[in-house]
Amino acid sequence: MVCGRISRLSVRDVRFPTSLGSHGSDAMQLFQTISLLLPPVLHLQQLEDVAYCIPKKTEDKCTLGPISHISLQTNPLLFYSRLMQKMDSRGTELPSLWEKALKLIGPEKGAVHLATAAILNAVWDLWAKQEGKPLWKLLVDMDPRMLLSCIDFRYITDVLTEEEAYEILQKGQVGKKEREGQMLTHGYPAYTTSCAWLGYSDDTLKQLCTQALKDGWTRFKVKVGADLQDDIRRCRLIRNIIGPEKILMMDANQRWDVPEAVEWMSSLAEFKPLWIEEPTSPDDILGHATISKALVPLGIGVATGEQCHNRVIFKQLLQAQALQFLQIDSCRLGSVNENLSVLLMAKKFEIPVCPHAGGVGLCELVQHLIIFDFISVSASLENRMCEYVDHLHEHFKYPVIIKNASYMPPQDAGYSTEMKAGSVKKHQYPDGEVWKKLLAAQGN
């Protein structure tokens, strides 16, 4: 084997001024000023790749330093699987005082975890490109033991052991080809969040919902949580437009206390929501369990996960019966590796996975994970759908393809992560053309 190192990591700050159209507005960010994406570029053995890290706030940064000292193997398979084993959560546990200091803002959460995810997502992209396959196909075709070697089972063996995960993957081999054919023909069902951002006017909401119905959408999500009477009015408006048979979900974006969430959703129950998403703090596992239990008689499920730090939080949410719909995120967890562990735990608990995909580029990434989940793990589409927003896809080299309100499996090799060079240059902060004009107009 020939050993190598990651030689260089560069980071560019790319932002989109979505607040100008109230895109992305919710109960916690009514005047959201930007959507931002930090794509570190990983220079590895003469290869270049893009990795995503989406910080929670504008000032957050992806801390990349300690990860760059990991030695690699250049064998096409062992190269990547061993790198992932070293660069999973244990990749943040390195000996220097500086690295120990970084661990204090983790471990397995915060900037270090996001940075690990960014680099690992880049490595998965490289692996898939080297194999000439889209990421979902790389995962589907992978030997179960090789796949499991990429997962860190530490802290979750009380819920899922490696042998139990192997049994799940083995059972998933049955009918796999047929399910892959189904995905290639029909795609994975999606729902739209783009019609009902909280900052949209009634006229915009009506126009977008009406057009979405014409385009074949049958599943809609509305933002709620700022004002109850306004929520009732807007939900009535939406329900009247889409009709009683279409599926409606609600998202409070962590706005409420636990009793408030129960009371608020009791008032919105007449609109028959399938779920309430993030009703309270994403860290409040027992609070979610209380809300979940209270809403069962109303036929309303609880959905959460987009802000979960790691697989341990998901484990506890599942153990506490605190959710009915599990929402993974491509960049919040420790990349594909940690998402695989959560998909397998969800399968054991028979909880449907309905991924979060509301941020820049998240649709492009998460489509691979959910298609793999159906083909190789869950083998079910019951109560399952993947979020879709129709903004900013034009900035990607391999944008998602939606047909009949479904994600069509990507065919290009890799993880669909690459942005167009022109888009990066124009939206780089603060020196890109877009931001120079905006900042000049603001007098900055």
Protein backbone atom coordinates (compact mmCIF):
# COMPACT_ATOMS: atom_id res chain seq x y z
CA MET A 1 0.00 0.00 0.00
CA VAL A 2 1.08 3.56 -0.65
CA CYS A 3 0.32 5.96 2.17
CA GLY A 4 -0.70 9.54 1.52
CA ARG A 5 -2.20 12.55 3.23
CA ILE A 6 -4.84 15.14 2.58
CA SER A 7 -2.53 17.84 1.29
CA ARG A 8 -4.70 20.92 1.45
CA LEU A 9 -8.16 22.14 2.42
CA SER A 10 -9.59 25.41 1.18
CA VAL A 11 -12.88 26.99 2.22
CA ARG A 12 -15.08 29.42 0.36
CA ASP A 13 -18.01 31.23 1.93
CA VAL A 14 -20.96 31.16 -0.49
CA ARG A 15 -24.20 32.89 0.48
CA PHE A 16 -27.56 33.52 -1.15
CA PRO A 17 -29.75 36.53 -0.13
CA THR A 18 -32.97 34.55 0.20
CA SER A 19 -34.57 37.07 2.55
CA LEU A 20 -35.24 39.38 -0.40
CA GLY A 21 -38.14 37.13 -1.36
CA SER A 22 -38.96 35.75 2.14
CA HIS A 23 -37.78 32.33 0.96
CA GLY A 24 -36.99 30.15 3.96
CA SER A 25 -38.92 32.31 6.42
CA ASP A 26 -40.34 30.51 9.44
CA ALA A 27 -41.47 31.16 13.01
CA MET A 28 -37.90 31.51 14.26
CA GLN A 29 -36.40 33.32 11.25
CA LEU A 30 -39.08 35.55 9.81
CA PHE A 31 -36.45 37.92 8.42
CA GLN A 32 -33.77 35.44 7.49
CA THR A 33 -31.01 37.47 5.90
CA ILE A 34 -29.14 34.74 4.03
CA SER A 35 -28.85 31.12 3.21
CA LEU A 36 -25.23 30.09 3.40
CA LEU A 37 -23.14 27.21 2.29
CA LEU A 38 -19.52 26.58 3.14
CA PRO A 39 -18.02 24.17 0.60
CA PRO A 40 -14.50 23.12 1.63
CA VAL A 41 -12.44 21.89 -1.29
CA LEU A 42 -10.50 18.75 -0.47
CA HIS A 43 -7.22 18.30 -2.36
CA LEU A 44 -6.33 14.62 -2.21
CA GLN A 45 -3.88 12.65 -4.38
CA GLN A 46 -4.21 15.17 -7.22
CA LEU A 47 -8.02 14.95 -6.98
CA GLU A 48 -10.30 17.82 -6.08
CA ASP A 49 -13.72 17.45 -4.55
CA VAL A 50 -16.45 19.51 -2.94
CA ALA A 51 -17.78 18.93 0.55
CA TYR A 52 -20.63 20.70 2.27
CA CYS A 53 -20.92 22.13 5.75
CA ILE A 54 -23.99 24.21 6.55
CA PRO A 55 -23.47 26.10 9.81
CA LYS A 56 -26.49 27.01 11.91
CA LYS A 57 -25.58 30.68 12.06
CA THR A 58 -23.78 33.06 9.75
CA GLU A 59 -20.76 33.40 12.02
CA ASP A 60 -20.24 29.65 12.51
CA LYS A 61 -17.26 28.18 10.67
CA CYS A 62 -16.21 24.69 9.73
CA THR A 63 -13.11 23.84 11.72
CA LEU A 64 -11.03 21.70 9.40
CA GLY A 65 -7.53 21.66 10.86
CA PRO A 66 -7.18 18.40 12.83
CA ILE A 67 -8.82 16.26 10.20
CA SER A 68 -6.13 17.06 7.64
CA HIS A 69 -3.50 14.93 9.40
CA ILE A 70 -5.19 11.58 8.80
CA SER A 71 -3.07 9.10 6.84
CA LEU A 72 -4.79 7.35 3.93
CA GLN A 73 -4.52 4.11 1.98
CA THR A 74 -4.63 4.28 -1.81
CA ASN A 75 -6.22 0.90 -2.52
CA PRO A 76 -9.52 1.82 -4.23
CA LEU A 77 -11.73 0.14 -1.61
CA LEU A 78 -9.63 0.12 1.54
CA PHE A 79 -8.54 3.67 0.81
CA TYR A 80 -12.01 5.02 1.48
CA SER A 81 -13.38 2.60 4.04
CA ARG A 82 -10.31 2.93 6.28
CA LEU A 83 -10.33 6.69 5.92
CA MET A 84 -13.95 6.74 7.03
CA GLN A 85 -13.24 4.53 10.00
CA LYS A 86 -10.51 6.96 11.06
CA MET A 87 -12.45 10.10 10.24
CA ASP A 88 -15.74 9.21 11.89
CA SER A 89 -16.41 10.54 15.37
CA ARG A 90 -13.02 9.22 16.49
CA GLY A 91 -11.39 11.47 13.92
CA THR A 92 -12.06 14.37 16.29
CA GLU A 93 -10.20 12.71 19.18
CA LEU A 94 -6.62 13.67 18.40
CA PRO A 95 -3.92 14.32 20.97
CA SER A 96 -2.65 17.88 20.76
CA LEU A 97 -3.78 20.56 23.20
CA TRP A 98 -5.27 22.53 20.33
CA GLU A 99 -7.30 19.55 19.18
CA LYS A 100 -8.42 18.86 22.74
CA ALA A 101 -9.59 22.44 22.92
CA LEU A 102 -11.59 21.92 19.74
CA LYS A 103 -13.16 18.85 21.30
CA LEU A 104 -14.57 21.09 24.02
CA ILE A 105 -16.94 22.54 21.41
CA GLY A 106 -17.99 18.97 20.58
CA PRO A 107 -17.59 16.11 20.91
CA GLU A 108 -19.63 14.73 18.00
CA LYS A 109 -21.53 17.98 17.62
CA GLY A 110 -20.84 21.55 16.72
CA ALA A 111 -18.09 22.85 14.44
CA VAL A 112 -15.80 19.81 14.66
CA HIS A 113 -18.59 17.38 13.80
CA LEU A 114 -19.77 19.55 10.92
CA ALA A 115 -16.21 19.74 9.61
CA THR A 116 -15.83 15.97 9.82
CA ALA A 117 -19.09 15.60 7.91
CA ALA A 118 -17.93 18.01 5.24
CA ILE A 119 -14.72 16.11 4.55
CA LEU A 120 -16.34 12.70 4.71
CA ASN A 121 -19.07 13.79 2.30
CA ALA A 122 -16.26 14.81 -0.07
CA VAL A 123 -14.61 11.41 0.30
CA TRP A 124 -17.87 9.62 -0.46
CA ASP A 125 -18.20 11.79 -3.56
CA LEU A 126 -14.68 10.81 -4.63
CA TRP A 127 -15.35 7.14 -4.01
CA ALA A 128 -18.53 7.18 -6.09
CA LYS A 129 -16.80 9.05 -8.90
CA GLN A 130 -13.91 6.59 -8.89
CA GLU A 131 -16.40 3.74 -9.20
CA GLY A 132 -18.30 5.63 -11.93
CA LYS A 133 -21.58 5.46 -9.99
CA PRO A 134 -23.99 7.87 -8.34
CA LEU A 135 -23.65 7.60 -4.57
CA TRP A 136 -26.99 5.82 -4.08
CA LYS A 137 -25.90 3.12 -6.53
CA LEU A 138 -22.50 2.76 -4.84
CA LEU A 139 -24.29 2.12 -1.54
CA VAL A 140 -26.86 -0.24 -3.05
CA ASP A 141 -24.16 -2.34 -4.74
CA MET A 142 -21.81 -2.43 -1.76
CA ASP A 143 -21.22 -5.68 0.13
CA PRO A 144 -23.06 -5.43 3.50
CA ARG A 145 -19.89 -6.07 5.48
CA MET A 146 -18.04 -3.33 3.63
CA LEU A 147 -20.95 -0.97 4.23
CA LEU A 148 -21.01 -1.77 7.94
CA SER A 149 -17.26 -1.17 8.20
CA CYS A 150 -18.00 2.50 7.50
CA ILE A 151 -20.33 2.83 10.52
CA ASP A 152 -19.34 3.66 14.09
CA PHE A 153 -21.61 1.55 16.33
CA ARG A 154 -20.19 3.03 19.51
CA TYR A 155 -22.90 4.35 21.87
CA ILE A 156 -25.76 2.66 20.00
CA THR A 157 -25.17 -1.07 20.59
CA ASP A 158 -27.87 -1.09 23.28
CA VAL A 159 -30.28 -0.45 20.40
CA LEU A 160 -28.50 -1.78 17.31
CA THR A 161 -25.50 -4.12 17.11
CA GLU A 162 -23.41 -4.68 14.01
CA GLU A 163 -24.86 -8.17 13.65
CA GLU A 164 -28.41 -6.85 13.84
CA ALA A 165 -27.53 -4.28 11.19
CA TYR A 166 -26.09 -7.03 9.03
CA GLU A 167 -29.33 -9.00 9.33
CA ILE A 168 -31.30 -5.94 8.21
CA LEU A 169 -29.08 -5.50 5.16
CA GLN A 170 -29.27 -9.19 4.36
CA LYS A 171 -33.08 -9.09 4.45
CA GLY A 172 -32.89 -6.03 2.24
CA GLN A 173 -31.26 -8.10 -0.48
CA VAL A 174 -34.64 -9.74 -1.15
CA GLY A 175 -36.46 -7.81 -3.86
CA LYS A 176 -33.67 -5.24 -4.15
CA LYS A 177 -33.46 -5.33 -7.94
CA GLU A 178 -37.21 -4.86 -8.24
CA ARG A 179 -37.13 -1.86 -5.90
CA GLU A 180 -34.23 -0.35 -7.81
CA GLY A 181 -36.26 -0.70 -10.99
CA GLN A 182 -39.20 0.95 -9.27
CA MET A 183 -37.04 3.92 -8.29
CA LEU A 184 -35.63 4.29 -11.80
CA THR A 185 -39.13 4.27 -13.27
CA HIS A 186 -41.18 6.19 -10.75
CA GLY A 187 -38.73 7.92 -8.40
CA TYR A 188 -39.03 8.60 -4.67
CA PRO A 189 -42.12 10.52 -3.48
CA ALA A 190 -41.50 14.13 -2.45
CA TYR A 191 -43.38 16.88 -0.67
CA THR A 192 -43.06 20.61 -1.24
CA THR A 193 -42.17 23.24 1.33
CA SER A 194 -41.90 26.01 -1.26
CA CYS A 195 -45.54 27.12 -1.25
CA ALA A 196 -46.04 28.27 2.32
CA TRP A 197 -43.06 30.03 3.88
CA LEU A 198 -44.24 32.12 6.78
CA GLY A 199 -43.28 35.44 5.19
CA TYR A 200 -45.28 34.89 2.00
CA SER A 201 -48.36 36.99 1.33
CA ASP A 202 -51.74 35.32 0.90
CA ASP A 203 -51.67 36.06 -2.82
CA THR A 204 -48.26 34.41 -3.18
CA LEU A 205 -49.41 31.44 -1.13
CA LYS A 206 -52.53 30.99 -3.28
CA GLN A 207 -50.58 31.32 -6.51
CA LEU A 208 -47.89 28.82 -5.48
CA CYS A 209 -50.30 26.23 -4.09
CA THR A 210 -52.50 26.42 -7.18
CA GLN A 211 -49.50 26.01 -9.48
CA ALA A 212 -48.14 23.13 -7.39
CA LEU A 213 -51.44 21.28 -7.74
CA LYS A 214 -51.27 21.73 -11.51
CA ASP A 215 -47.72 20.35 -11.43
CA GLY A 216 -48.90 17.20 -9.69
CA TRP A 217 -47.94 17.88 -6.05
CA THR A 218 -50.09 16.08 -3.49
CA ARG A 219 -48.06 16.70 -0.29
CA PHE A 220 -47.61 20.18 1.16
CA LYS A 221 -45.91 21.66 4.23
CA VAL A 222 -46.82 24.95 5.88
CA LYS A 223 -44.77 26.94 8.38
CA VAL A 224 -46.58 27.74 11.63
CA GLY A 225 -45.82 28.95 15.14
CA ALA A 226 -45.62 32.75 15.17
CA ASP A 227 -49.28 33.66 15.72
CA LEU A 228 -52.07 31.15 16.34
CA GLN A 229 -54.90 33.08 14.72
CA ASP A 230 -52.74 33.77 11.67
CA ASP A 231 -51.84 30.06 11.51
CA ILE A 232 -55.53 29.11 11.60
CA ARG A 233 -56.29 31.55 8.80
CA ARG A 234 -53.38 30.44 6.62
CA CYS A 235 -53.96 26.71 7.20
CA ARG A 236 -57.65 27.13 6.32
CA LEU A 237 -56.64 28.96 3.18
CA ILE A 238 -54.22 26.22 2.16
CA ARG A 239 -56.58 23.37 3.01
CA ASN A 240 -59.35 25.01 0.95
CA ILE A 241 -56.99 25.26 -2.03
CA ILE A 242 -55.49 21.76 -1.91
CA GLY A 243 -58.67 19.99 -0.78
CA PRO A 244 -59.33 17.44 1.99
CA GLU A 245 -57.54 14.49 0.38
CA LYS A 246 -54.11 16.02 -0.10
CA ILE A 247 -51.50 15.53 2.63
CA LEU A 248 -50.65 18.55 4.79
CA MET A 249 -47.74 18.83 7.23
CA MET A 250 -46.86 21.65 9.65
CA ASP A 251 -43.47 22.92 10.84
CA ALA A 252 -42.98 25.09 13.95
CA ASN A 253 -39.17 25.26 13.71
CA GLN A 254 -38.65 24.76 17.48
CA ARG A 255 -40.86 27.71 18.46
CA TRP A 256 -42.92 26.36 21.37
CA ASP A 257 -42.62 25.14 24.92
CA VAL A 258 -44.03 21.64 25.48
CA PRO A 259 -47.49 22.59 26.87
CA GLU A 260 -47.78 25.36 24.28
CA ALA A 261 -47.08 22.89 21.47
CA VAL A 262 -49.89 20.58 22.61
CA GLU A 263 -52.34 23.46 23.01
CA TRP A 264 -51.39 25.08 19.68
CA MET A 265 -51.68 21.85 17.70
CA SER A 266 -55.00 21.05 19.33
CA SER A 267 -56.26 24.26 17.75
CA LEU A 268 -54.82 23.30 14.34
CA ALA A 269 -56.02 19.70 14.41
CA GLU A 270 -59.12 20.56 12.35
CA PHE A 271 -56.86 20.90 9.30
CA LYS A 272 -55.76 17.25 9.59
CA PRO A 273 -51.98 17.63 9.57
CA LEU A 274 -50.00 14.43 9.15
CA TRP A 275 -47.30 15.77 11.46
CA ILE A 276 -46.01 18.71 13.40
CA GLU A 277 -42.30 19.17 12.78
CA GLU A 278 -39.88 20.43 15.43
CA PRO A 279 -42.57 21.56 17.89
CA THR A 280 -40.02 22.35 20.61
CA SER A 281 -36.27 22.36 21.28
CA PRO A 282 -34.56 19.67 19.17
CA ASP A 283 -32.56 18.66 22.26
CA ASP A 284 -35.68 18.00 24.38
CA ILE A 285 -36.17 14.28 23.89
CA LEU A 286 -38.63 13.82 26.74
CA GLY A 287 -40.48 16.96 25.68
CA HIS A 288 -40.98 15.50 22.24
CA ALA A 289 -42.19 12.28 23.85
CA THR A 290 -44.76 14.21 25.90
CA ILE A 291 -46.00 16.07 22.82
CA SER A 292 -46.09 12.85 20.80
CA LYS A 293 -48.21 11.06 23.41
CA ALA A 294 -50.61 13.99 23.71
CA LEU A 295 -51.15 14.31 19.95
CA VAL A 296 -51.83 10.61 19.26
CA PRO A 297 -55.60 10.98 19.94
CA LEU A 298 -55.68 13.84 17.42
CA GLY A 299 -54.04 11.70 14.72
CA ILE A 300 -51.05 14.03 14.50
CA GLY A 301 -47.51 12.64 14.43
CA VAL A 302 -44.31 14.32 15.56
CA ALA A 303 -41.44 14.75 13.10
CA THR A 304 -37.93 15.89 14.00
CA GLY A 305 -34.25 15.31 13.32
CA GLU A 306 -32.87 18.04 11.08
CA GLN A 307 -31.05 19.62 14.04
CA CYS A 308 -30.07 16.40 15.81
CA HIS A 309 -26.37 16.45 16.66
CA ASN A 310 -25.60 12.78 16.19
CA ARG A 311 -26.83 9.17 16.18
CA VAL A 312 -27.09 9.18 20.00
CA ILE A 313 -29.87 11.79 19.96
CA PHE A 314 -31.72 9.78 17.31
CA LYS A 315 -31.27 6.64 19.39
CA GLN A 316 -32.92 8.28 22.38
CA LEU A 317 -35.75 9.78 20.32
CA LEU A 318 -36.52 6.28 19.06
CA GLN A 319 -36.22 4.70 22.49
CA ALA A 320 -38.53 7.31 24.04
CA GLN A 321 -41.16 6.94 21.28
CA ALA A 322 -40.76 10.68 20.81
CA LEU A 323 -41.33 10.78 17.04
CA GLN A 324 -43.40 9.11 14.34
CA PHE A 325 -41.39 10.51 11.44
CA LEU A 326 -37.57 10.67 11.48
CA GLN A 327 -35.83 13.44 9.56
CA ILE A 328 -32.18 12.88 8.74
CA ASP A 329 -30.00 15.67 7.35
CA SER A 330 -27.12 15.09 4.94
CA CYS A 331 -24.80 17.63 6.58
CA ARG A 332 -25.85 17.87 10.23
CA LEU A 333 -24.82 14.30 11.07
CA GLY A 334 -21.32 12.95 10.49
CA SER A 335 -21.84 12.51 6.74
CA VAL A 336 -23.09 9.40 4.98
CA ASN A 337 -21.47 7.22 7.65
CA GLU A 338 -23.57 8.39 10.56
CA ASN A 339 -26.71 8.68 8.45
CA LEU A 340 -26.35 4.98 7.63
CA SER A 341 -26.48 4.12 11.33
CA VAL A 342 -29.63 6.20 11.78
CA LEU A 343 -31.34 4.62 8.76
CA LEU A 344 -30.65 1.20 10.23
CA MET A 345 -31.93 2.16 13.68
CA ALA A 346 -35.09 3.60 12.13
CA LYS A 347 -35.63 0.33 10.30
CA LYS A 348 -35.34 -1.65 13.54
CA PHE A 349 -37.96 0.58 15.18
CA GLU A 350 -40.07 0.62 11.98
CA ILE A 351 -40.17 4.42 11.98
CA PRO A 352 -40.43 6.01 8.52
CA VAL A 353 -37.56 8.26 7.42
CA CYS A 354 -38.64 11.52 5.76
CA PRO A 355 -35.44 13.53 5.23
CA HIS A 356 -34.94 17.23 5.73
CA ALA A 357 -33.85 19.00 2.56
CA GLY A 358 -34.60 22.68 3.05
CA GLY A 359 -31.10 24.15 2.75
CA VAL A 360 -28.88 25.00 -0.18
CA GLY A 361 -27.88 21.78 -1.92
CA LEU A 362 -29.52 19.47 0.61
CA CYS A 363 -32.00 18.14 -1.95
CA GLU A 364 -29.08 17.19 -4.19
CA LEU A 365 -27.40 15.25 -1.38
CA VAL A 366 -30.21 13.64 0.58
CA GLN A 367 -31.89 12.11 -2.48
CA HIS A 368 -29.05 9.57 -2.58
CA LEU A 369 -29.59 8.51 1.03
CA ILE A 370 -33.34 8.08 0.84
CA ILE A 371 -33.22 6.14 -2.44
CA PHE A 372 -30.65 3.81 -0.88
CA ASP A 373 -32.85 3.49 2.21
CA PHE A 374 -35.82 2.28 0.15
CA ILE A 375 -33.83 -0.11 -2.03
CA SER A 376 -31.60 -1.70 0.62
CA VAL A 377 -33.00 -0.98 4.09
CA SER A 378 -36.65 0.00 4.59
CA ALA A 379 -38.14 -1.63 1.47
CA SER A 380 -41.24 0.50 2.08
CA LEU A 381 -42.80 3.76 0.89
CA GLU A 382 -45.60 3.77 3.47
CA ASN A 383 -45.80 7.22 5.12
CA ARG A 384 -42.46 8.08 3.51
CA MET A 385 -41.54 11.14 1.49
CA CYS A 386 -38.56 13.45 1.03
CA GLU A 387 -38.70 17.23 1.40
CA TYR A 388 -38.23 19.39 -1.68
CA VAL A 389 -37.73 23.13 -2.09
CA ASP A 390 -37.46 24.60 -5.57
CA HIS A 391 -34.87 27.28 -4.86
CA LEU A 392 -31.22 27.57 -5.96
CA HIS A 393 -30.87 24.28 -7.86
CA GLU A 394 -29.72 26.21 -10.91
CA HIS A 395 -26.36 26.76 -9.18
CA PHE A 396 -25.47 23.05 -9.22
CA LYS A 397 -23.82 21.05 -11.99
CA TYR A 398 -26.08 18.06 -11.27
CA PRO A 399 -29.38 19.47 -9.97
CA VAL A 400 -32.17 17.23 -8.75
CA ILE A 401 -34.69 15.99 -11.26
CA ILE A 402 -38.31 16.06 -10.09
CA LYS A 403 -40.89 14.19 -12.13
CA ASN A 404 -44.50 13.71 -11.05
CA ALA A 405 -43.63 15.12 -7.62
CA SER A 406 -40.92 12.50 -7.13
CA TYR A 407 -37.12 12.51 -6.99
CA MET A 408 -35.73 10.66 -9.99
CA PRO A 409 -32.51 8.78 -9.13
CA PRO A 410 -29.40 10.72 -10.22
CA GLN A 411 -27.37 9.07 -12.95
CA ASP A 412 -24.17 11.13 -12.81
CA ALA A 413 -21.28 9.67 -10.82
CA GLY A 414 -20.73 11.10 -7.36
CA TYR A 415 -22.77 12.74 -4.61
CA SER A 416 -24.27 15.58 -6.74
CA THR A 417 -22.34 18.13 -4.67
CA GLU A 418 -20.62 20.30 -7.24
CA MET A 419 -21.68 23.89 -7.71
CA LYS A 420 -21.10 25.81 -10.92
CA ALA A 421 -17.90 27.84 -10.81
CA GLY A 422 -19.74 30.93 -11.99
CA SER A 423 -22.30 30.68 -9.21
CA VAL A 424 -19.61 30.29 -6.57
CA LYS A 425 -17.73 33.30 -7.89
CA LYS A 426 -20.84 35.52 -8.02
CA HIS A 427 -22.15 34.56 -4.57
CA GLN A 428 -18.90 34.33 -2.63
CA TYR A 429 -19.06 36.53 0.46
CA PRO A 430 -18.22 39.42 0.63
CA ASP A 431 -16.35 39.87 -2.65
CA GLY A 432 -18.72 38.23 -5.11
CA GLU A 433 -20.67 40.36 -7.56
CA VAL A 434 -24.02 39.72 -5.85
CA TRP A 435 -22.78 40.73 -2.40
CA LYS A 436 -20.76 43.71 -3.57
CA LYS A 437 -23.93 45.21 -5.02
CA LEU A 438 -26.08 44.40 -1.98
CA LEU A 439 -23.54 45.67 0.52
CA ALA A 440 -22.98 48.82 -1.50
CA ALA A 441 -26.74 49.45 -1.56
CA GLN A 442 -26.80 49.04 2.21
CA GLY A 443 -23.92 51.49 2.60
CA ASN A 444 -21.50 48.84 3.98
